[in-house]
Protein backbone atom coordinates (compact mmCIF):
# COMPACT_ATOMS: atom_id res chain seq x y z
CA MET A 1 88.78 48.14 138.08
CA ASN A 2 87.15 48.33 141.45
CA ARG A 3 86.40 51.61 143.17
CA SER A 4 89.60 51.67 145.24
CA GLN A 5 91.84 51.28 142.14
CA LEU A 6 89.98 54.00 140.34
CA LEU A 7 90.27 56.49 143.12
CA ASN A 8 93.92 55.61 143.48
CA ASN A 9 94.52 56.34 139.65
CA ILE A 10 92.59 59.69 139.95
CA CYS A 11 94.75 60.69 142.88
CA CYS A 12 97.93 59.83 141.12
CA LEU A 13 96.90 61.90 138.07
CA SER A 14 96.01 64.75 140.42
CA LEU A 15 99.39 64.81 142.22
CA ILE A 16 101.29 64.61 138.76
CA ILE A 17 99.27 67.68 137.80
CA ILE A 18 100.11 69.67 141.21
CA SER A 19 103.81 68.58 141.13
CA THR A 20 104.02 69.95 137.53
CA SER A 21 102.26 73.12 138.38
CA SER A 22 104.57 73.74 141.38
CA VAL A 23 107.59 73.48 139.36
CA PHE A 24 106.44 76.23 136.74
CA ALA A 25 105.06 78.16 139.79
CA GLN A 26 108.64 78.54 141.32
CA ALA A 27 110.21 79.62 138.06
CA PRO A 28 110.72 83.38 137.37
CA VAL A 29 108.42 85.11 135.17
CA LEU A 30 109.78 85.78 131.68
CA GLN A 31 108.01 88.93 130.20
CA VAL A 32 107.58 89.09 126.49
CA GLU A 33 109.62 92.19 126.12
CA ASP A 34 112.51 90.50 128.01
CA ALA A 35 112.04 87.46 125.95
CA VAL A 36 112.43 89.33 122.72
CA LYS A 37 115.42 91.22 123.88
CA LEU A 38 117.30 88.06 125.06
CA GLY A 39 116.45 86.27 121.70
CA LEU A 40 117.90 89.15 119.78
CA GLU A 41 120.99 89.33 122.04
CA LYS A 42 121.67 85.56 121.58
CA ASN A 43 120.44 84.65 118.06
CA PHE A 44 123.39 83.49 116.11
CA ASN A 45 122.05 84.61 112.69
CA VAL A 46 121.64 88.24 114.23
CA GLN A 47 125.34 87.99 115.44
CA ILE A 48 126.38 86.77 111.81
CA MET A 49 124.51 89.63 110.30
CA ARG A 50 125.94 92.19 112.79
CA ASN A 51 129.51 91.02 111.69
CA GLN A 52 128.46 91.28 108.03
CA GLU A 53 127.69 94.84 108.72
CA LEU A 54 131.26 95.46 110.16
CA ILE A 55 132.47 93.96 106.91
CA ALA A 56 130.32 96.19 104.60
CA ALA A 57 131.38 99.28 106.85
CA ASN A 58 135.16 98.23 106.41
CA ASN A 59 134.88 97.94 102.69
CA ASN A 60 133.22 101.59 102.48
CA THR A 61 136.50 103.37 102.05
CA PRO A 62 137.66 105.81 99.25
CA ALA A 63 140.56 103.42 98.52
CA ARG A 64 138.16 100.80 97.47
CA ALA A 65 136.24 103.16 95.37
CA GLY A 66 139.70 104.11 93.58
CA MET A 67 139.62 107.66 94.82
CA THR A 68 143.22 107.49 96.48
CA PRO A 69 146.62 107.09 94.79
CA THR A 70 148.59 103.91 94.68
CA VAL A 71 152.16 104.02 95.87
CA ASN A 72 154.66 101.40 95.40
CA THR A 73 158.20 100.80 95.98
CA THR A 74 160.71 98.56 94.10
CA GLY A 75 164.40 97.73 94.46
CA THR A 76 166.65 95.43 92.19
CA VAL A 77 170.11 94.44 92.81
CA SER A 78 171.95 92.28 90.41
CA TYR A 79 175.68 91.24 89.62
CA ALA A 80 176.93 89.58 86.37
CA ILE A 81 180.08 87.96 85.45
CA ASN A 82 180.95 87.72 81.77
CA ASN A 83 183.96 87.09 79.50
CA THR A 84 183.85 90.32 77.59
CA SER A 85 185.63 91.08 74.11
CA GLN A 86 185.28 94.41 72.55
CA ARG A 87 186.44 95.68 69.12
CA PHE A 88 186.23 99.26 68.19
CA PHE A 89 186.13 101.11 64.97
CA THR A 90 189.58 102.34 65.39
CA GLY A 91 190.74 98.81 65.35
CA GLU A 92 191.45 98.69 69.15
CA THR A 93 190.33 95.76 70.97
CA ARG A 94 189.75 94.99 74.60
CA SER A 95 189.08 91.81 76.41
CA ALA A 96 188.24 91.32 79.88
CA PRO A 97 187.79 87.60 81.29
CA ASN A 98 185.30 87.19 84.15
CA ALA A 99 184.36 90.97 83.99
CA GLY A 100 181.86 92.00 86.59
CA THR A 101 178.75 94.22 86.24
CA PHE A 102 176.98 95.50 89.22
CA ASN A 103 173.50 97.01 88.88
CA GLY A 104 171.52 98.49 91.65
CA ARG A 105 168.09 100.28 91.52
CA ILE A 106 165.60 101.43 94.03
CA GLY A 107 162.45 103.66 93.40
CA VAL A 108 159.11 104.86 94.66
CA GLU A 109 156.18 105.04 92.19
CA ALA A 110 152.75 106.62 92.45
CA VAL A 111 149.56 106.47 90.23
CA TRP A 112 146.45 108.46 91.00
CA ASN A 113 143.52 108.02 88.72
CA LEU A 114 142.22 111.65 88.46
CA TYR A 115 139.23 111.10 86.24
CA ASN A 116 137.59 107.97 84.83
CA GLY A 117 134.18 109.21 83.83
CA SER A 118 133.10 109.53 87.54
CA ARG A 119 132.88 105.97 88.10
CA MET A 120 134.80 106.34 91.37
CA TYR A 121 131.85 108.50 92.73
CA ALA A 122 129.37 105.67 91.63
CA ILE A 123 131.55 102.96 93.27
CA ARG A 124 131.65 105.02 96.48
CA ASP A 125 128.00 105.57 96.43
CA ARG A 126 127.46 101.70 95.54
CA LEU A 127 129.72 100.96 98.77
CA THR A 128 127.59 103.05 100.89
CA THR A 129 124.49 101.42 99.57
CA PHE A 130 125.84 98.06 100.42
CA GLU A 131 126.66 99.34 103.83
CA GLN A 132 122.96 100.46 104.13
CA GLN A 133 121.88 97.15 102.77
CA SER A 134 123.68 95.24 105.17
CA ARG A 135 122.14 97.19 108.08
CA ALA A 136 118.74 96.68 106.51
CA LEU A 137 119.11 92.95 106.29
CA THR A 138 119.93 92.64 109.95
CA THR A 139 116.88 94.93 110.67
CA ALA A 140 114.68 92.64 108.61
CA GLN A 141 116.14 89.61 110.49
CA MET A 142 115.63 91.30 113.91
CA GLN A 143 112.18 92.15 112.72
CA ALA A 144 111.22 88.59 111.92
CA LEU A 145 112.87 87.10 114.89
CA SER A 146 110.82 89.48 117.14
CA ALA A 147 107.70 88.76 115.42
CA ASP A 148 108.58 84.74 115.88
CA ILE A 149 109.40 85.22 119.51
CA THR A 150 106.29 87.36 120.38
CA LEU A 151 104.14 84.66 118.64
CA ALA A 152 105.48 81.69 120.19
CA TYR A 153 105.37 83.46 123.67
CA PHE A 154 101.58 84.06 123.29
CA ASN A 155 101.20 80.57 121.99
CA ILE A 156 102.48 79.45 125.50
CA VAL A 157 100.14 81.93 126.94
CA GLN A 158 97.31 80.42 125.16
CA LEU A 159 98.39 76.69 126.06
CA GLU A 160 98.77 77.88 129.71
CA ARG A 161 95.23 79.35 129.73
CA THR A 162 93.73 76.28 128.13
CA THR A 163 95.70 73.97 130.63
CA SER A 164 94.15 76.19 133.58
CA ASN A 165 90.76 75.67 131.86
CA LEU A 166 91.39 72.12 131.94
CA ARG A 167 92.49 72.16 135.35
CA TYR A 168 89.25 74.00 136.10
CA ALA A 169 87.19 71.39 134.41
CA VAL A 170 88.96 68.80 136.64
CA ARG A 171 88.01 70.45 139.80
CA LEU A 172 84.44 70.65 138.55
CA ASP A 173 84.53 67.01 137.92
CA ARG A 174 85.96 66.37 141.46
CA ASP A 175 83.24 68.52 143.07
CA LEU A 176 80.84 66.87 141.05
CA LEU A 177 81.92 63.46 141.92
CA ASN A 178 81.97 64.44 145.64
CA LEU A 179 78.34 65.67 145.35
CA VAL A 180 77.21 62.54 143.66
CA GLN A 181 78.75 60.41 146.25
CA ALA A 182 77.03 62.46 149.12
CA LYS A 183 73.70 62.13 147.18
CA LYS A 184 74.18 58.51 146.76
CA THR A 185 74.78 57.95 150.36
CA ILE A 186 71.39 59.50 151.12
CA GLY A 187 69.76 57.40 148.16
CA SER A 188 69.08 60.47 145.75
CA ALA A 189 71.74 59.46 143.33
CA THR A 190 72.24 56.18 141.35
CA GLY A 191 75.22 53.93 140.90
CA LEU A 192 75.36 54.66 137.28
CA GLU A 193 75.58 58.71 137.91
CA LEU A 194 78.47 57.89 140.30
CA LEU A 195 80.29 55.67 137.72
CA GLN A 196 79.53 58.37 134.80
CA SER A 197 81.03 61.22 137.21
CA ARG A 198 84.34 59.11 138.00
CA SER A 199 84.65 58.33 134.31
CA ARG A 200 84.35 61.98 133.41
CA LEU A 201 87.16 62.76 135.95
CA THR A 202 89.41 60.29 134.74
CA ALA A 203 88.94 61.10 131.29
CA ASP A 204 89.62 64.95 131.78
CA SER A 205 92.46 64.19 134.26
CA ALA A 206 94.16 62.10 131.49
CA ARG A 207 93.93 64.91 129.00
CA LEU A 208 95.24 67.31 131.48
CA VAL A 209 98.37 65.06 131.83
CA GLN A 210 98.95 64.91 128.25
CA GLN A 211 98.34 68.96 127.87
CA GLU A 212 100.98 69.31 130.51
CA ALA A 213 103.46 67.24 128.67
CA ASP A 214 102.59 69.23 125.57
CA ILE A 215 103.20 72.35 127.23
CA LYS A 216 106.58 71.19 128.78
CA ARG A 217 107.87 70.52 125.08
CA PHE A 218 106.58 74.10 124.09
CA TYR A 219 108.57 75.57 126.89
CA MET A 220 111.63 73.60 125.77
CA GLY A 221 111.11 74.85 122.19
CA PHE A 222 110.83 78.31 123.20
CA ASN A 223 114.05 78.11 125.24
CA GLN A 224 115.59 76.65 122.03
CA LEU A 225 114.46 79.65 120.07
CA LEU A 226 116.15 82.03 122.74
CA ASN A 227 119.41 79.89 122.59
CA ARG A 228 119.05 79.25 126.09
CA PRO A 229 119.27 75.68 127.81
CA VAL A 230 116.19 73.93 126.80
CA GLU A 231 115.77 72.65 130.51
CA GLU A 232 115.64 76.14 131.99
CA ASN A 233 112.38 76.95 133.65
CA PHE A 234 110.41 80.10 133.51
CA GLN A 235 106.78 81.43 133.46
CA VAL A 236 104.96 83.47 131.20
CA ASP A 237 102.63 86.41 131.85
CA THR A 238 99.07 84.70 131.31
CA ALA A 239 97.17 88.08 131.06
CA LEU A 240 95.00 88.18 127.85
CA SER A 241 96.19 91.52 126.63
CA THR A 242 96.05 93.11 123.06
CA GLN A 243 97.73 96.15 121.64
CA MET A 244 96.15 99.16 119.98
CA VAL A 245 96.48 98.66 116.29
CA LEU A 246 96.62 101.72 113.97
CA THR A 247 94.11 102.64 111.21
CA VAL A 248 94.72 100.67 107.99
CA ASP A 249 95.89 103.89 106.40
CA GLU A 250 98.58 104.56 109.13
CA LEU A 251 99.57 100.91 108.73
CA LEU A 252 100.12 101.25 104.91
CA LEU A 253 102.00 104.56 105.33
CA ASN A 254 104.22 103.08 108.14
CA ALA A 255 104.84 99.96 105.80
CA ARG A 256 105.93 101.90 102.88
CA GLN A 257 108.49 103.61 104.98
CA ALA A 258 109.67 101.13 107.55
CA ASN A 259 108.86 97.61 106.22
CA PRO A 260 112.20 95.85 105.78
CA ASP A 261 111.37 94.24 102.55
CA VAL A 262 110.34 97.61 101.08
CA ILE A 263 113.67 99.19 102.48
CA LEU A 264 115.63 96.41 100.97
CA SER A 265 113.66 96.86 97.53
CA LYS A 266 114.56 100.62 97.28
CA LEU A 267 118.24 99.89 98.05
CA ASP A 268 118.13 97.21 95.01
CA GLN A 269 116.75 99.87 93.01
CA GLN A 270 119.42 102.35 94.12
CA LEU A 271 122.11 99.64 93.23
CA ALA A 272 120.61 99.18 89.96
CA MET A 273 120.82 103.05 89.32
CA LEU A 274 124.39 103.27 90.34
CA ASN A 275 125.31 100.39 88.23
CA THR A 276 124.00 102.28 85.32
CA LYS A 277 125.80 105.18 86.37
CA GLU A 278 129.07 103.29 86.38
CA ILE A 279 128.51 101.70 83.02
CA LYS A 280 127.95 105.29 81.47
CA GLY A 281 131.52 106.23 82.88
CA THR A 282 133.11 103.71 80.67
CA PHE A 283 131.99 105.88 77.54
CA LYS A 284 134.33 108.78 78.96
CA PRO A 285 138.23 109.05 78.75
CA GLU A 286 140.48 108.21 81.83
CA LEU A 287 143.44 110.30 83.12
CA ASP A 288 146.18 109.18 85.33
CA LEU A 289 148.71 111.21 87.22
CA THR A 290 151.95 109.24 87.55
CA GLY A 291 155.04 110.05 89.57
CA ALA A 292 158.25 108.33 90.50
CA MET A 293 161.43 108.84 92.30
CA ASN A 294 164.28 106.53 91.41
CA TYR A 295 167.86 105.84 92.21
CA SER A 296 170.21 103.60 90.07
CA TYR A 297 173.74 102.64 90.17
CA GLN A 298 175.72 100.61 87.71
CA ARG A 299 179.58 99.72 87.74
CA ASN A 300 181.34 97.88 85.12
CA ALA A 301 184.79 96.10 84.99
CA VAL A 302 184.89 96.97 81.27
CA GLY A 303 183.09 99.32 78.73
CA PHE A 304 182.76 102.96 77.99
CA ALA A 305 182.07 104.05 81.50
CA LEU A 306 183.38 102.79 84.78
CA SER A 307 180.13 103.52 86.61
CA ASN A 308 176.98 105.35 86.02
CA ARG A 309 174.55 106.76 88.88
CA ASN A 310 171.13 108.27 88.32
CA PHE A 311 168.79 109.94 91.01
CA GLY A 312 165.76 112.13 90.32
CA PRO A 313 161.99 112.38 90.15
CA ILE A 314 159.64 111.66 87.02
CA LEU A 315 156.20 113.28 86.61
CA GLY A 316 153.78 112.44 83.95
CA LEU A 317 150.19 112.22 82.70
CA THR A 318 148.53 109.18 81.11
CA GLY A 319 145.40 109.43 79.05
CA ARG A 320 143.13 106.30 77.95
CA TYR A 321 139.93 106.32 75.79
CA THR A 322 138.36 103.18 74.27
CA ILE A 323 137.62 103.96 70.68
CA TYR A 324 135.93 100.51 69.81
CA ASP A 325 135.17 97.37 71.95
CA GLY A 326 132.46 95.52 69.66
CA GLN A 327 129.88 97.57 71.30
CA LEU A 328 130.06 95.79 74.47
CA ARG A 329 129.75 98.99 76.52
CA LYS A 330 126.72 99.86 74.76
CA GLN A 331 125.15 96.36 75.38
CA ASN A 332 126.14 96.59 79.05
CA LEU A 333 124.41 99.90 79.26
CA THR A 334 121.24 98.35 77.76
CA ASN A 335 121.31 95.54 80.06
CA ALA A 336 121.87 97.82 83.05
CA LYS A 337 118.68 99.97 82.19
CA ILE A 338 116.55 96.60 81.73
CA ALA A 339 117.82 95.71 85.26
CA GLU A 340 116.93 99.07 86.55
CA GLU A 341 113.43 98.80 85.18
CA ASN A 342 113.00 95.51 86.90
CA ALA A 343 114.11 96.76 90.15
CA LYS A 344 111.32 99.34 89.73
CA LEU A 345 108.62 96.69 88.78
CA ARG A 346 109.82 94.50 91.62
CA GLN A 347 109.19 97.30 94.07
CA ASP A 348 105.91 98.00 92.51
CA GLU A 349 104.96 94.55 92.89
CA LEU A 350 106.12 94.41 96.51
CA LEU A 351 104.10 97.46 97.44
CA TYR A 352 100.84 96.08 95.94
CA MET A 353 101.28 92.78 97.48
CA LEU A 354 101.98 94.58 100.83
CA GLU A 355 98.77 96.60 100.56
CA ALA A 356 96.78 93.83 99.84
CA GLN A 357 98.16 91.73 102.70
CA ILE A 358 97.56 94.60 105.09
CA ARG A 359 94.06 95.30 104.14
CA THR A 360 93.10 91.54 104.18
CA ARG A 361 94.65 91.03 107.51
CA TYR A 362 93.05 94.48 108.88
CA ALA A 363 89.65 92.96 107.89
CA ASP A 364 90.34 89.88 109.63
CA TYR A 365 91.48 91.81 112.80
CA GLN A 366 88.09 93.80 113.01
CA SER A 367 86.40 90.67 112.52
CA LEU A 368 88.11 88.94 115.19
CA LYS A 369 87.77 91.80 117.48
CA GLN A 370 83.97 91.29 117.23
CA LEU A 371 84.34 87.61 117.62
CA ARG A 372 86.41 88.16 120.90
CA ASP A 373 83.74 90.53 122.27
CA LEU A 374 81.06 88.12 121.68
CA GLU A 375 82.99 85.24 123.12
CA ASP A 376 83.25 87.45 126.23
CA ALA A 377 79.58 88.17 126.46
CA ASN A 378 78.78 84.45 125.72
CA LEU A 379 81.38 83.41 128.51
CA LYS A 380 79.47 85.46 131.00
CA VAL A 381 76.17 83.97 130.22
CA THR A 382 77.43 80.54 130.21
CA LEU A 383 79.11 80.96 133.68
CA ASP A 384 75.73 82.19 134.96
CA GLN A 385 74.10 79.23 133.46
CA ALA A 386 76.57 76.73 134.84
CA ASN A 387 76.49 78.21 138.48
CA LEU A 388 72.77 78.03 138.33
CA ALA A 389 72.78 74.38 137.05
CA ARG A 390 75.15 73.08 139.81
CA GLU A 391 73.07 74.81 142.39
CA LEU A 392 69.72 73.22 141.03
CA TYR A 393 71.46 69.82 140.97
CA ARG A 394 72.26 70.20 144.75
CA LEU A 395 68.55 70.91 145.32
CA GLY A 396 67.71 67.79 143.19
CA LYS A 397 65.81 69.59 140.48
CA ILE A 398 67.94 68.58 137.37
CA THR A 399 69.85 65.49 136.39
CA ASN A 400 73.56 64.56 136.35
CA PHE A 401 73.60 64.75 132.48
CA GLU A 402 72.18 68.18 132.49
CA VAL A 403 74.58 69.73 135.03
CA ARG A 404 77.57 67.78 133.17
CA GLU A 405 76.26 69.57 129.84
CA SER A 406 76.12 73.05 131.56
CA THR A 407 79.70 72.35 132.82
CA LEU A 408 80.87 71.21 129.49
CA LEU A 409 79.32 74.50 127.82
CA GLU A 410 81.16 76.40 130.38
CA VAL A 411 84.59 74.82 129.60
CA GLN A 412 84.10 75.08 125.75
CA ALA A 413 83.13 78.71 126.17
CA ARG A 414 86.39 79.55 127.92
CA ASP A 415 88.28 77.66 125.53
CA ARG A 416 86.60 79.64 122.63
CA THR A 417 87.26 82.77 124.48
CA ILE A 418 91.13 82.08 124.71
CA GLN A 419 91.14 80.85 120.83
CA ALA A 420 89.41 84.15 119.87
CA TRP A 421 92.02 85.99 122.04
CA PHE A 422 95.05 84.10 120.29
CA ARG A 423 93.60 84.43 116.80
CA LEU A 424 93.23 88.25 117.31
CA LYS A 425 96.80 88.34 118.71
CA GLN A 426 98.30 86.44 115.76
CA VAL A 427 96.74 88.94 113.33
CA GLU A 428 97.85 91.94 115.56
CA ILE A 429 101.43 90.61 115.31
CA GLU A 430 101.34 89.95 111.58
CA LEU A 431 100.01 93.44 111.04
CA LEU A 432 102.76 95.09 113.13
CA ASN A 433 105.47 92.93 111.36
CA LEU A 434 104.05 93.97 107.99
CA ALA A 435 103.91 97.52 108.86
CA GLY A 436 107.50 97.36 110.07
CA MET A 437 106.81 98.34 113.60
CA LYS A 438 108.23 97.38 116.87
CA MET A 439 106.16 94.60 118.81
CA PHE A 440 106.10 96.92 121.99
């Protein structure tokens, strides 16, 4: 490849980079808080779980718990035609061919379970707990989605900063190439140094093109996470910010109260207790209040009475008590108590694992904070070293290799600073998620 072709390739790469950057520069800035809000509003799973909440709320009624009476109405009309022959003890006979008999009845009946061993109250509490559980499941889904969106957002921030650092490296390569060309013109640089500078510029430019393509895919994936058109353009706030994290004791306290999994575990334990209470109610008698208002009319073509009409109320009490059922209720109660104990054990295990996770990640957080501070300090030293190396190269006191090494160290130090920040941000998001805290 001759010199003109190489320069043309470098210019093409630069134009691609500039055009890609200008597209994103014209796009609106999407803040992470707005991204989370948008994602929660449009997420299909969240919408489905909201509908599940409505179903659970609709099911939580006194009628479904069996606390209200049941009222039914029935009506019957019939007409029968019979060939009737009757013979009485007096010896009298009576015959009626095709004798018609009309029957009509209508009534209203009500049944109200007055007492069933307090099972209706246990069912009512269970329905209320189901409603709370549905809301807790929605909260857990939203908490997890918020963490995913936040992490994906700051991953793009990391990529943007890394890409910006690579652009900076390309600019340094170009400046160094121009300097080498100028020095070669006056005879203070060799042709080898010029070729090395061009090679570095081409290699870094190619890496930048690949990085730009990768980051575009991440933008499209983020739009998909927000349920937006994947081609919608936007920018992110590239400030390397961190959030103040509470102490480990404060995180643990908040996790025991607000962690979605802990809340769901408590509700599972409550449901197990209510199931035990409901089964205990089967050992007690039941009492129903029944009432009815009936009207009936019958007309006969033959018989003792020409017509018969009845109208009036009926009121009664019905009691039930199971004397023996093969010890099924006793077995059910034993199983319910075991299930209740299992729910308690699962909650204890969850709290233990949660505390271990928080303490481990908090230790990581403290270490990463120190690492970030060290990388920041090292970056300042590396910047001074790189600036000094470039100045010494202009003065001809160091070689092209030495200035390239100092530039490479500067770029690597910038990358390590970005990576240290992102790792710290990852742990921060995880700690907030474990503690059941909002991301902002």
